[in-house]
């Protein structure tokens, strides 16, 4: 395989990966489902749902912690999916050591 063909293949893979990350939706929860966040593969928050029972003016700190925990978990799930996807793509190149 010549270098130009490899570069073209790498560019196509990058475009597919970008589209997959745009299309990816990851959901994560915290507080036993009291807070739910959905992010895409670019780690942009698409939605945030709060159980009405968790909203209390007397415990704003707890709600903030639950939101942070849910967002961080969603970001971790995106990272895991990206690693899985990249591993599959790289093995398809047929390069030694991958």
PDB file of N, CA and C in Angstrom:
ATOM      1  N   UNK A   1       0.861  -1.184   0.000  1.00  0.00           N
ATOM      2  CA  UNK A   1       0.000   0.000   0.000  1.00  0.00           C
ATOM      3  C   UNK A   1       0.897   1.233   0.000  1.00  0.00           C
ATOM      4  N   UNK A   2       0.631   2.175  -0.885  1.00  0.00           N
ATOM      5  CA  UNK A   2       1.469   3.369  -0.932  1.00  0.00           C
ATOM      6  C   UNK A   2       1.021   4.394   0.101  1.00  0.00           C
ATOM      7  N   UNK A   3       1.870   5.387   0.333  1.00  0.00           N
ATOM      8  CA  UNK A   3       1.632   6.368   1.390  1.00  0.00           C
ATOM      9  C   UNK A   3       0.391   7.214   1.101  1.00  0.00           C
ATOM     10  N   UNK A   4       0.120   7.538  -0.157  1.00  0.00           N
ATOM     11  CA  UNK A   4      -1.061   8.334  -0.489  1.00  0.00           C
ATOM     12  C   UNK A   4      -2.346   7.577  -0.169  1.00  0.00           C
ATOM     13  N   UNK A   5      -2.358   6.306  -0.459  1.00  0.00           N
ATOM     14  CA  UNK A   5      -3.542   5.494  -0.149  1.00  0.00           C
ATOM     15  C   UNK A   5      -3.739   5.394   1.358  1.00  0.00           C
ATOM     16  N   UNK A   6      -2.631   5.255   2.084  1.00  0.00           N
ATOM     17  CA  UNK A   6      -2.734   5.195   3.552  1.00  0.00           C
ATOM     18  C   UNK A   6      -3.240   6.517   4.119  1.00  0.00           C
ATOM     19  N   UNK A   7      -2.771   7.634   3.584  1.00  0.00           N
ATOM     20  CA  UNK A   7      -3.222   8.947   4.046  1.00  0.00           C
ATOM     21  C   UNK A   7      -4.710   9.138   3.754  1.00  0.00           C
ATOM     22  N   UNK A   8      -5.145   8.719   2.575  1.00  0.00           N
ATOM     23  CA  UNK A   8      -6.558   8.831   2.227  1.00  0.00           C
ATOM     24  C   UNK A   8      -7.404   7.967   3.165  1.00  0.00           C
ATOM     25  N   UNK A   9      -6.938   6.762   3.445  1.00  0.00           N
ATOM     26  CA  UNK A   9      -7.663   5.865   4.337  1.00  0.00           C
ATOM     27  C   UNK A   9      -7.732   6.464   5.739  1.00  0.00           C
ATOM     28  N   UNK A  10      -6.646   7.056   6.202  1.00  0.00           N
ATOM     29  CA  UNK A  10      -6.631   7.675   7.528  1.00  0.00           C
ATOM     30  C   UNK A  10      -7.596   8.855   7.588  1.00  0.00           C
ATOM     31  N   UNK A  11      -7.652   9.652   6.521  1.00  0.00           N
ATOM     32  CA  UNK A  11      -8.566  10.783   6.480  1.00  0.00           C
ATOM     33  C   UNK A  11     -10.024  10.309   6.501  1.00  0.00           C
ATOM     34  N   UNK A  12     -10.321   9.259   5.757  1.00  0.00           N
ATOM     35  CA  UNK A  12     -11.675   8.713   5.752  1.00  0.00           C
ATOM     36  C   UNK A  12     -12.055   8.183   7.130  1.00  0.00           C
ATOM     37  N   UNK A  13     -11.105   7.526   7.781  1.00  0.00           N
ATOM     38  CA  UNK A  13     -11.358   7.017   9.128  1.00  0.00           C
ATOM     39  C   UNK A  13     -11.633   8.162  10.085  1.00  0.00           C
ATOM     40  N   UNK A  14     -10.883   9.248   9.962  1.00  0.00           N
ATOM     41  CA  UNK A  14     -11.081  10.411  10.832  1.00  0.00           C
ATOM     42  C   UNK A  14     -12.475  10.996  10.611  1.00  0.00           C
ATOM     43  N   UNK A  15     -12.907  11.093   9.372  1.00  0.00           N
ATOM     44  CA  UNK A  15     -14.242  11.620   9.081  1.00  0.00           C
ATOM     45  C   UNK A  15     -15.333  10.716   9.652  1.00  0.00           C
ATOM     46  N   UNK A  16     -15.144   9.391   9.517  1.00  0.00           N
ATOM     47  CA  UNK A  16     -16.128   8.450  10.089  1.00  0.00           C
ATOM     48  C   UNK A  16     -16.173   8.585  11.608  1.00  0.00           C
ATOM     49  N   UNK A  17     -15.007   8.719  12.219  1.00  0.00           N
ATOM     50  CA  UNK A  17     -14.951   8.847  13.676  1.00  0.00           C
ATOM     51  C   UNK A  17     -15.641  10.131  14.126  1.00  0.00           C
ATOM     52  N   UNK A  18     -15.405  11.231  13.438  1.00  0.00           N
ATOM     53  CA  UNK A  18     -16.069  12.487  13.790  1.00  0.00           C
ATOM     54  C   UNK A  18     -17.587  12.345  13.709  1.00  0.00           C
ATOM     55  N   UNK A  19     -18.074  11.675  12.671  1.00  0.00           N
ATOM     56  CA  UNK A  19     -19.516  11.479  12.534  1.00  0.00           C
ATOM     57  C   UNK A  19     -20.048  10.567  13.633  1.00  0.00           C
ATOM     58  N   UNK A  20     -19.297   9.524  13.967  1.00  0.00           N
ATOM     59  CA  UNK A  20     -19.722   8.626  15.040  1.00  0.00           C
ATOM     60  C   UNK A  20     -19.795   9.369  16.362  1.00  0.00           C
ATOM     61  N   UNK A  21     -18.835  10.245  16.624  1.00  0.00           N
ATOM     62  CA  UNK A  21     -18.834  11.001  17.875  1.00  0.00           C
ATOM     63  C   UNK A  21     -20.000  11.986  17.907  1.00  0.00           C
ATOM     64  N   UNK A  22     -20.348  12.550  16.764  1.00  0.00           N
ATOM     65  CA  UNK A  22     -21.498  13.452  16.700  1.00  0.00           C
ATOM     66  C   UNK A  22     -22.788  12.690  16.961  1.00  0.00           C
ATOM     67  N   UNK A  23     -22.886  11.484  16.413  1.00  0.00           N
ATOM     68  CA  UNK A  23     -24.099  10.675  16.553  1.00  0.00           C
ATOM     69  C   UNK A  23     -24.210   9.973  17.902  1.00  0.00           C
ATOM     70  N   UNK A  24     -23.076   9.760  18.578  1.00  0.00           N
ATOM     71  CA  UNK A  24     -23.064   9.024  19.841  1.00  0.00           C
ATOM     72  C   UNK A  24     -23.876   9.758  20.910  1.00  0.00           C
ATOM     73  N   UNK A  25     -24.663   9.017  21.647  1.00  0.00           N
ATOM     74  CA  UNK A  25     -25.402   9.540  22.797  1.00  0.00           C
ATOM     75  C   UNK A  25     -25.090   8.637  23.981  1.00  0.00           C
ATOM     76  N   UNK A  26     -24.643   9.250  25.079  1.00  0.00           N
ATOM     77  CA  UNK A  26     -24.312   8.499  26.289  1.00  0.00           C
ATOM     78  C   UNK A  26     -25.137   9.074  27.428  1.00  0.00           C
ATOM     79  N   UNK A  27     -25.748   8.197  28.196  1.00  0.00           N
ATOM     80  CA  UNK A  27     -26.550   8.615  29.337  1.00  0.00           C
ATOM     81  C   UNK A  27     -25.885   8.127  30.617  1.00  0.00           C
ATOM     82  N   UNK A  28     -25.854   8.999  31.615  1.00  0.00           N
ATOM     83  CA  UNK A  28     -25.303   8.627  32.916  1.00  0.00           C
ATOM     84  C   UNK A  28     -26.200   9.217  34.004  1.00  0.00           C
ATOM     85  N   UNK A  29     -26.214   8.528  35.130  1.00  0.00           N
ATOM     86  CA  UNK A  29     -27.051   8.982  36.248  1.00  0.00           C
ATOM     87  C   UNK A  29     -26.227   9.050  37.520  1.00  0.00           C
ATOM     88  N   UNK A  30     -26.774   9.742  38.485  1.00  0.00           N
ATOM     89  CA  UNK A  30     -26.201   9.751  39.830  1.00  0.00           C
ATOM     90  C   UNK A  30     -27.347   9.863  40.824  1.00  0.00           C
ATOM     91  N   UNK A  31     -27.031   9.577  42.068  1.00  0.00           N
ATOM     92  CA  UNK A  31     -28.054   9.653  43.104  1.00  0.00           C
ATOM     93  C   UNK A  31     -29.177   8.663  42.891  1.00  0.00           C
ATOM     94  N   UNK A  32     -28.814   7.480  42.385  1.00  0.00           N
ATOM     95  CA  UNK A  32     -29.836   6.463  42.171  1.00  0.00           C
ATOM     96  C   UNK A  32     -30.856   6.862  41.122  1.00  0.00           C
ATOM     97  N   UNK A  33     -30.424   7.636  40.138  1.00  0.00           N
ATOM     98  CA  UNK A  33     -31.320   8.054  39.070  1.00  0.00           C
ATOM     99  C   UNK A  33     -31.972   9.400  39.313  1.00  0.00           C
ATOM    100  N   UNK A  34     -31.578  10.069  40.373  1.00  0.00           N
ATOM    101  CA  UNK A  34     -32.156  11.380  40.674  1.00  0.00           C
ATOM    102  C   UNK A  34     -31.701  12.439  39.675  1.00  0.00           C
ATOM    103  N   UNK A  35     -30.490  12.257  39.139  1.00  0.00           N
ATOM    104  CA  UNK A  35     -29.947  13.169  38.130  1.00  0.00           C
ATOM    105  C   UNK A  35     -29.538  12.327  36.928  1.00  0.00           C
ATOM    106  N   UNK A  36     -29.990  12.715  35.754  1.00  0.00           N
ATOM    107  CA  UNK A  36     -29.633  12.022  34.521  1.00  0.00           C
ATOM    108  C   UNK A  36     -29.119  13.048  33.524  1.00  0.00           C
ATOM    109  N   UNK A  37     -27.976  12.726  32.930  1.00  0.00           N
ATOM    110  CA  UNK A  37     -27.390  13.609  31.922  1.00  0.00           C
ATOM    111  C   UNK A  37     -27.148  12.803  30.654  1.00  0.00           C
ATOM    112  N   UNK A  38     -27.364  13.448  29.512  1.00  0.00           N
ATOM    113  CA  UNK A  38     -27.077  12.844  28.210  1.00  0.00           C
ATOM    114  C   UNK A  38     -26.063  13.746  27.518  1.00  0.00           C
ATOM    115  N   UNK A  39     -24.967  13.140  27.042  1.00  0.00           N
ATOM    116  CA  UNK A  39     -23.949  13.886  26.306  1.00  0.00           C
ATOM    117  C   UNK A  39     -23.698  13.192  24.977  1.00  0.00           C
ATOM    118  N   UNK A  40     -23.136  13.949  24.025  1.00  0.00           N
ATOM    119  CA  UNK A  40     -22.749  13.321  22.767  1.00  0.00           C
ATOM    120  C   UNK A  40     -21.274  12.965  22.818  1.00  0.00           C
ATOM    121  N   UNK A  41     -20.769  12.440  21.732  1.00  0.00           N
ATOM    122  CA  UNK A  41     -19.385  11.991  21.698  1.00  0.00           C
ATOM    123  C   UNK A  41     -18.364  13.097  21.788  1.00  0.00           C
ATOM    124  N   UNK A  42     -18.813  14.340  21.604  1.00  0.00           N
ATOM    125  CA  UNK A  42     -17.920  15.483  21.757  1.00  0.00           C
ATOM    126  C   UNK A  42     -17.993  16.045  23.175  1.00  0.00           C
ATOM    127  N   UNK A  43     -18.689  15.334  24.045  1.00  0.00           N
ATOM    128  CA  UNK A  43     -18.862  15.675  25.459  1.00  0.00           C
ATOM    129  C   UNK A  43     -19.690  16.947  25.663  1.00  0.00           C
ATOM    130  N   UNK A  44     -20.571  17.212  24.719  1.00  0.00           N
ATOM    131  CA  UNK A  44     -21.496  18.328  24.879  1.00  0.00           C
ATOM    132  C   UNK A  44     -22.748  17.807  25.585  1.00  0.00           C
ATOM    133  N   UNK A  45     -23.169  18.499  26.625  1.00  0.00           N
ATOM    134  CA  UNK A  45     -24.368  18.102  27.354  1.00  0.00           C
ATOM    135  C   UNK A  45     -25.583  18.399  26.481  1.00  0.00           C
ATOM    136  N   UNK A  46     -26.356  17.351  26.210  1.00  0.00           N
ATOM    137  CA  UNK A  46     -27.551  17.490  25.380  1.00  0.00           C
ATOM    138  C   UNK A  46     -28.805  17.654  26.218  1.00  0.00           C
ATOM    139  N   UNK A  47     -28.829  16.991  27.367  1.00  0.00           N
ATOM    140  CA  UNK A  47     -29.985  17.142  28.245  1.00  0.00           C
ATOM    141  C   UNK A  47     -29.581  16.821  29.682  1.00  0.00           C
ATOM    142  N   UNK A  48     -30.346  17.382  30.589  1.00  0.00           N
ATOM    143  CA  UNK A  48     -30.148  17.166  32.024  1.00  0.00           C
ATOM    144  C   UNK A  48     -31.532  17.052  32.640  1.00  0.00           C
ATOM    145  N   UNK A  49     -31.783  15.905  33.286  1.00  0.00           N
ATOM    146  CA  UNK A  49     -33.072  15.690  33.939  1.00  0.00           C
ATOM    147  C   UNK A  49     -32.856  15.576  35.443  1.00  0.00           C
ATOM    148  N   UNK A  50     -33.708  16.259  36.183  1.00  0.00           N
ATOM    149  CA  UNK A  50     -33.653  16.212  37.639  1.00  0.00           C
ATOM    150  C   UNK A  50     -34.965  15.668  38.167  1.00  0.00           C
ATOM    151  N   UNK A  51     -34.874  14.697  39.044  1.00  0.00           N
ATOM    152  CA  UNK A  51     -36.065  14.218  39.735  1.00  0.00           C
ATOM    153  C   UNK A  51     -36.524  15.350  40.655  1.00  0.00           C
ATOM    154  N   UNK A  52     -37.783  15.707  40.643  1.00  0.00           N
ATOM    155  CA  UNK A  52     -38.255  16.813  41.487  1.00  0.00           C
ATOM    156  C   UNK A  52     -37.928  16.627  42.968  1.00  0.00           C
ATOM    157  N   UNK A  53     -37.815  15.380  43.413  1.00  0.00           N
ATOM    158  CA  UNK A  53     -37.516  15.131  44.824  1.00  0.00           C
ATOM    159  C   UNK A  53     -36.109  15.572  45.217  1.00  0.00           C
ATOM    160  N   UNK A  54     -35.202  15.715  44.243  1.00  0.00           N
ATOM    161  CA  UNK A  54     -33.825  16.085  44.556  1.00  0.00           C
ATOM    162  C   UNK A  54     -33.655  17.603  44.605  1.00  0.00           C
ATOM    163  N   UNK A  55     -34.654  18.336  44.137  1.00  0.00           N
ATOM    164  CA  UNK A  55     -34.563  19.797  44.125  1.00  0.00           C
ATOM    165  C   UNK A  55     -35.061  20.336  45.466  1.00  0.00           C
ATOM    166  N   UNK A  56     -34.120  20.875  46.216  1.00  0.00           N
ATOM    167  CA  UNK A  56     -34.448  21.435  47.530  1.00  0.00           C
ATOM    168  C   UNK A  56     -33.561  22.643  47.779  1.00  0.00           C
ATOM    169  N   UNK A  57     -34.183  23.759  48.124  1.00  0.00           N
ATOM    170  CA  UNK A  57     -33.388  24.960  48.400  1.00  0.00           C
ATOM    171  C   UNK A  57     -32.534  24.784  49.642  1.00  0.00           C
ATOM    172  N   UNK A  58     -32.865  23.780  50.449  1.00  0.00           N
ATOM    173  CA  UNK A  58     -32.097  23.542  51.670  1.00  0.00           C
ATOM    174  C   UNK A  58     -30.845  22.713  51.427  1.00  0.00           C
ATOM    175  N   UNK A  59     -30.713  22.098  50.256  1.00  0.00           N
ATOM    176  CA  UNK A  59     -29.551  21.253  50.004  1.00  0.00           C
ATOM    177  C   UNK A  59     -29.061  21.406  48.559  1.00  0.00           C
ATOM    178  N   UNK A  60     -28.761  22.629  48.193  1.00  0.00           N
ATOM    179  CA  UNK A  60     -28.273  22.932  46.853  1.00  0.00           C
ATOM    180  C   UNK A  60     -26.936  22.240  46.605  1.00  0.00           C
ATOM    181  N   UNK A  61     -26.101  22.163  47.629  1.00  0.00           N
ATOM    182  CA  UNK A  61     -24.785  21.531  47.494  1.00  0.00           C
ATOM    183  C   UNK A  61     -24.878  20.084  47.042  1.00  0.00           C
ATOM    184  N   UNK A  62     -25.839  19.345  47.592  1.00  0.00           N
ATOM    185  CA  UNK A  62     -26.000  17.949  47.210  1.00  0.00           C
ATOM    186  C   UNK A  62     -26.400  17.850  45.735  1.00  0.00           C
ATOM    187  N   UNK A  63     -27.319  18.700  45.287  1.00  0.00           N
ATOM    188  CA  UNK A  63     -27.752  18.687  43.893  1.00  0.00           C
ATOM    189  C   UNK A  63     -26.580  19.009  42.968  1.00  0.00           C
ATOM    190  N   UNK A  64     -25.775  19.978  43.331  1.00  0.00           N
ATOM    191  CA  UNK A  64     -24.608  20.325  42.532  1.00  0.00           C
ATOM    192  C   UNK A  64     -23.656  19.139  42.423  1.00  0.00           C
ATOM    193  N   UNK A  65     -23.417  18.465  43.539  1.00  0.00           N
ATOM    194  CA  UNK A  65     -22.530  17.297  43.535  1.00  0.00           C
ATOM    195  C   UNK A  65     -23.075  16.177  42.647  1.00  0.00           C
ATOM    196  N   UNK A  66     -24.386  15.959  42.689  1.00  0.00           N
ATOM    197  CA  UNK A  66     -24.996  14.920  41.854  1.00  0.00           C
ATOM    198  C   UNK A  66     -24.883  15.255  40.370  1.00  0.00           C
ATOM    199  N   UNK A  67     -25.046  16.523  40.030  1.00  0.00           N
ATOM    200  CA  UNK A  67     -24.921  16.936  38.630  1.00  0.00           C
ATOM    201  C   UNK A  67     -23.487  16.726  38.153  1.00  0.00           C
ATOM    202  N   UNK A  68     -22.531  17.154  38.951  1.00  0.00           N
ATOM    203  CA  UNK A  68     -21.118  16.981  38.589  1.00  0.00           C
ATOM    204  C   UNK A  68     -20.791  15.499  38.423  1.00  0.00           C
ATOM    205  N   UNK A  69     -21.270  14.670  39.338  1.00  0.00           N
ATOM    206  CA  UNK A  69     -20.998  13.233  39.269  1.00  0.00           C
ATOM    207  C   UNK A  69     -21.580  12.624  37.991  1.00  0.00           C
ATOM    208  N   UNK A  70     -22.793  13.008  37.632  1.00  0.00           N
ATOM    209  CA  UNK A  70     -23.427  12.470  36.428  1.00  0.00           C
ATOM    210  C   UNK A  70     -22.686  12.918  35.171  1.00  0.00           C
ATOM    211  N   UNK A  71     -22.285  14.174  35.111  1.00  0.00           N
ATOM    212  CA  UNK A  71     -21.557  14.678  33.938  1.00  0.00           C
ATOM    213  C   UNK A  71     -20.204  13.978  33.820  1.00  0.00           C
ATOM    214  N   UNK A  72     -19.498  13.848  34.935  1.00  0.00           N
ATOM    215  CA  UNK A  72     -18.197  13.177  34.901  1.00  0.00           C
ATOM    216  C   UNK A  72     -18.331  11.718  34.466  1.00  0.00           C
ATOM    217  N   UNK A  73     -19.371  11.043  34.921  1.00  0.00           N
ATOM    218  CA  UNK A  73     -19.593   9.655  34.524  1.00  0.00           C
ATOM    219  C   UNK A  73     -19.900   9.567  33.029  1.00  0.00           C
ATOM    220  N   UNK A  74     -20.679  10.499  32.529  1.00  0.00           N
ATOM    221  CA  UNK A  74     -20.987  10.507  31.093  1.00  0.00           C
ATOM    222  C   UNK A  74     -19.716  10.737  30.279  1.00  0.00           C
ATOM    223  N   UNK A  75     -18.866  11.639  30.731  1.00  0.00           N
ATOM    224  CA  UNK A  75     -17.604  11.890  30.021  1.00  0.00           C
ATOM    225  C   UNK A  75     -16.715  10.650  30.028  1.00  0.00           C
ATOM    226  N   UNK A  76     -16.688   9.930  31.132  1.00  0.00           N
ATOM    227  CA  UNK A  76     -15.901   8.697  31.203  1.00  0.00           C
ATOM    228  C   UNK A  76     -16.436   7.667  30.213  1.00  0.00           C
ATOM    229  N   UNK A  77     -17.753   7.583  30.110  1.00  0.00           N
ATOM    230  CA  UNK A  77     -18.360   6.635  29.171  1.00  0.00           C
ATOM    231  C   UNK A  77     -18.033   7.010  27.723  1.00  0.00           C
ATOM    232  N   UNK A  78     -17.994   8.297  27.422  1.00  0.00           N
ATOM    233  CA  UNK A  78     -17.601   8.737  26.077  1.00  0.00           C
ATOM    234  C   UNK A  78     -16.159   8.328  25.804  1.00  0.00           C
ATOM    235  N   UNK A  79     -15.281   8.548  26.782  1.00  0.00           N
ATOM    236  CA  UNK A  79     -13.875   8.161  26.615  1.00  0.00           C
ATOM    237  C   UNK A  79     -13.749   6.658  26.366  1.00  0.00           C
ATOM    238  N   UNK A  80     -14.498   5.867  27.120  1.00  0.00           N
ATOM    239  CA  UNK A  80     -14.465   4.412  26.941  1.00  0.00           C
ATOM    240  C   UNK A  80     -14.936   4.015  25.541  1.00  0.00           C
ATOM    241  N   UNK A  81     -15.987   4.660  25.070  1.00  0.00           N
ATOM    242  CA  UNK A  81     -16.511   4.351  23.735  1.00  0.00           C
ATOM    243  C   UNK A  81     -15.508   4.772  22.662  1.00  0.00           C
ATOM    244  N   UNK A  82     -14.859   5.897  22.856  1.00  0.00           N
ATOM    245  CA  UNK A  82     -13.860   6.358  21.893  1.00  0.00           C
ATOM    246  C   UNK A  82     -12.691   5.380  21.828  1.00  0.00           C
ATOM    247  N   UNK A  83     -12.238   4.903  22.963  1.00  0.00           N
ATOM    248  CA  UNK A  83     -11.145   3.918  22.984  1.00  0.00           C
ATOM    249  C   UNK A  83     -11.561   2.643  22.258  1.00  0.00           C
ATOM    250  N   UNK A  84     -12.786   2.197  22.511  1.00  0.00           N
ATOM    251  CA  UNK A  84     -13.278   0.982  21.871  1.00  0.00           C
ATOM    252  C   UNK A  84     -13.369   1.180  20.362  1.00  0.00           C
ATOM    253  N   UNK A  85     -13.912   2.303  19.952  1.00  0.00           N
ATOM    254  CA  UNK A  85     -14.064   2.590  18.533  1.00  0.00           C
ATOM    255  C   UNK A  85     -12.713   2.738  17.849  1.00  0.00           C
ATOM    256  N   UNK A  86     -11.808   3.460  18.467  1.00  0.00           N
ATOM    257  CA  UNK A  86     -10.483   3.673  17.881  1.00  0.00           C
ATOM    258  C   UNK A  86      -9.722   2.351  17.779  1.00  0.00           C
ATOM    259  N   UNK A  87      -9.852   1.511  18.773  1.00  0.00           N
ATOM    260  CA  UNK A  87      -9.185   0.212  18.737  1.00  0.00           C
ATOM    261  C   UNK A  87      -9.648  -0.619  17.552  1.00  0.00           C
ATOM    262  N   UNK A  88     -10.934  -0.601  17.300  1.00  0.00           N
ATOM    263  CA  UNK A  88     -11.477  -1.340  16.169  1.00  0.00           C
ATOM    264  C   UNK A  88     -11.040  -0.764  14.841  1.00  0.00           C
ATOM    265  N   UNK A  89     -10.997   0.558  14.751  1.00  0.00           N
ATOM    266  CA  UNK A  89     -10.576   1.200  13.510  1.00  0.00           C
ATOM    267  C   UNK A  89      -9.093   0.941  13.224  1.00  0.00           C
ATOM    268  N   UNK A  90      -8.277   1.049  14.256  1.00  0.00           N
ATOM    269  CA  UNK A  90      -6.837   0.895  14.068  1.00  0.00           C
ATOM    270  C   UNK A  90      -6.487  -0.531  13.681  1.00  0.00           C
ATOM    271  N   UNK A  91      -7.202  -1.486  14.232  1.00  0.00           N
ATOM    272  CA  UNK A  91      -6.890  -2.879  13.882  1.00  0.00           C
ATOM    273  C   UNK A  91      -7.254  -3.153  12.424  1.00  0.00           C
ATOM    274  N   UNK A  92      -8.195  -2.388  11.876  1.00  0.00           N
ATOM    275  CA  UNK A  92      -8.590  -2.560  10.485  1.00  0.00           C
ATOM    276  C   UNK A  92      -7.558  -2.062   9.483  1.00  0.00           C
ATOM    277  N   UNK A  93      -6.578  -1.295   9.974  1.00  0.00           N
ATOM    278  CA  UNK A  93      -5.553  -0.787   9.063  1.00  0.00           C
ATOM    279  C   UNK A  93      -4.557  -1.859   8.650  1.00  0.00           C
ATOM    280  N   UNK A  94      -4.459  -2.901   9.451  1.00  0.00           N
ATOM    281  CA  UNK A  94      -3.522  -3.965   9.133  1.00  0.00           C
ATOM    282  C   UNK A  94      -2.080  -3.582   9.374  1.00  0.00           C
ATOM    283  N   UNK A  95      -1.847  -2.589  10.237  1.00  0.00           N
ATOM    284  CA  UNK A  95      -0.481  -2.191  10.551  1.00  0.00           C
ATOM    285  C   UNK A  95       0.083  -3.076  11.650  1.00  0.00           C
ATOM    286  N   UNK A  96       1.351  -3.448  11.540  1.00  0.00           N
ATOM    287  CA  UNK A  96       1.944  -4.289  12.565  1.00  0.00           C
ATOM    288  C   UNK A  96       1.938  -3.580  13.924  1.00  0.00           C
ATOM    289  N   UNK A  97       1.659  -4.326  14.956  1.00  0.00           N
ATOM    290  CA  UNK A  97       1.683  -3.798  16.319  1.00  0.00           C
ATOM    291  C   UNK A  97       0.395  -3.145  16.760  1.00  0.00           C
ATOM    292  N   UNK A  98      -0.610  -3.062  15.916  1.00  0.00           N
ATOM    293  CA  UNK A  98      -1.883  -2.443  16.301  1.00  0.00           C
ATOM    294  C   UNK A  98      -2.966  -3.475  16.432  1.00  0.00           C
TER     295      UNK A  98
END
